[in-house]
Amino acid sequence: MKTIHYSTKAKKDLKKYRSNTQLMVALFDVLEKLKKGESIPNKYKPHELIGTYKDCMECHVGSDFLLIWIDVASDMVEIVRIGSHSELFGKKKGRR
């Protein structure tokens, strides 16, 4: 069983979404799988990131609700950020 550690930003992110029960149920389903060392189901679209979050993994807990994490050690996962695309990656230039 792995330990889940939350970054300071992830703790703040989590507080923001606590009242959305549907998202929290899906989020804790994914967190439970990470804790057990199981793979994340394809329905969550897990994938590696590049750029700012290089070496991190991301999955879509909701249509625009993302979880970013990194396996810090064989027995620990760090939750880096939780939020929407725009909150986590900002707006893309040239898009309105």
Protein backbone atom coordinates (compact mmCIF):
# COMPACT_ATOMS: atom_id res chain seq x y z
CA MET A 1 0.00 0.00 0.00
CA LYS A 2 1.39 3.40 -0.99
CA THR A 3 1.24 6.59 1.03
CA ILE A 4 -0.51 9.56 -0.58
CA HIS A 5 1.12 12.95 0.03
CA TYR A 6 -0.54 16.21 -1.04
CA SER A 7 1.50 19.22 -2.13
CA THR A 8 0.50 22.56 -0.60
CA LYS A 9 -1.13 23.59 -3.88
CA ALA A 10 -3.02 20.30 -4.13
CA LYS A 11 -4.42 20.80 -0.62
CA LYS A 12 -5.70 24.25 -1.63
CA ASP A 13 -7.09 22.84 -4.88
CA LEU A 14 -8.92 20.09 -3.00
CA LYS A 15 -10.62 22.57 -0.66
CA LYS A 16 -12.00 24.41 -3.67
CA TYR A 17 -13.75 21.31 -5.04
CA ARG A 18 -14.85 19.59 -1.80
CA SER A 19 -18.51 20.55 -2.23
CA ASN A 20 -18.79 18.77 -5.60
CA THR A 21 -19.72 15.28 -4.43
CA GLN A 22 -19.68 13.70 -7.89
CA LEU A 23 -16.13 14.86 -8.62
CA MET A 24 -14.95 13.85 -5.14
CA VAL A 25 -16.30 10.31 -5.55
CA ALA A 26 -14.46 9.92 -8.87
CA LEU A 27 -11.31 11.53 -7.43
CA PHE A 28 -11.21 9.22 -4.43
CA ASP A 29 -11.75 6.22 -6.72
CA VAL A 30 -8.58 7.21 -8.60
CA LEU A 31 -6.70 7.97 -5.36
CA GLU A 32 -7.62 4.54 -3.99
CA LYS A 33 -6.17 2.90 -7.11
CA LEU A 34 -2.96 4.94 -6.76
CA LYS A 35 -2.75 3.97 -3.09
CA LYS A 36 -3.07 0.27 -3.96
CA GLY A 37 -0.54 0.57 -6.80
CA GLU A 38 -3.16 -0.38 -9.38
CA SER A 39 -3.24 1.05 -12.88
CA ILE A 40 -5.68 3.87 -13.61
CA PRO A 41 -8.56 2.74 -15.88
CA ASN A 42 -8.50 4.05 -19.46
CA LYS A 43 -11.81 5.87 -18.91
CA TYR A 44 -9.76 8.45 -16.94
CA LYS A 45 -7.31 8.89 -19.86
CA PRO A 46 -4.09 8.59 -17.82
CA HIS A 47 -0.99 9.92 -19.57
CA GLU A 48 2.46 11.39 -18.95
CA LEU A 49 2.99 15.13 -19.06
CA ILE A 50 5.75 17.28 -20.54
CA GLY A 51 6.90 20.82 -19.86
CA THR A 52 6.23 22.26 -16.42
CA TYR A 53 4.94 18.92 -15.14
CA LYS A 54 7.59 16.71 -16.75
CA ASP A 55 7.80 13.27 -15.07
CA CYS A 56 4.24 13.67 -13.74
CA MET A 57 1.13 11.76 -14.72
CA GLU A 58 -2.31 13.23 -15.35
CA CYS A 59 -5.79 11.80 -15.61
CA HIS A 60 -9.22 13.26 -16.34
CA VAL A 61 -11.37 12.64 -13.28
CA GLY A 62 -14.14 14.72 -14.91
CA SER A 63 -14.49 16.29 -18.34
CA ASP A 64 -12.51 19.35 -17.19
CA PHE A 65 -11.28 18.14 -13.80
CA LEU A 66 -7.72 16.86 -13.75
CA LEU A 67 -5.46 15.11 -11.28
CA ILE A 68 -1.69 15.47 -11.59
CA TRP A 69 0.55 13.16 -9.59
CA ILE A 70 4.05 11.75 -9.46
CA ASP A 71 5.38 8.49 -8.05
CA VAL A 72 7.99 9.85 -5.65
CA ALA A 73 9.13 6.46 -4.39
CA SER A 74 8.00 2.86 -4.62
CA ASP A 75 5.83 3.42 -1.56
CA MET A 76 4.72 7.05 -2.02
CA VAL A 77 2.64 9.06 -4.51
CA GLU A 78 2.54 12.85 -4.41
CA ILE A 79 -0.60 14.63 -5.58
CA VAL A 80 0.81 17.71 -7.32
CA ARG A 81 -2.34 19.58 -8.47
CA ILE A 82 -6.09 19.14 -8.89
CA GLY A 83 -8.22 21.38 -11.11
CA SER A 84 -9.39 22.43 -14.56
CA HIS A 85 -7.19 22.73 -17.66
CA SER A 86 -7.15 26.53 -17.44
CA GLU A 87 -6.30 26.50 -13.72
CA LEU A 88 -3.43 24.08 -14.16
CA PHE A 89 -2.04 25.02 -17.55
CA GLY A 90 -3.35 28.55 -18.19
CA LYS A 91 -4.97 29.76 -21.37
CA LYS A 92 -3.25 29.00 -24.65
CA LYS A 93 -2.08 31.95 -26.72
CA GLY A 94 -4.13 32.61 -29.82
CA ARG A 95 -7.30 31.07 -28.39
CA ARG A 96 -10.30 33.08 -27.30
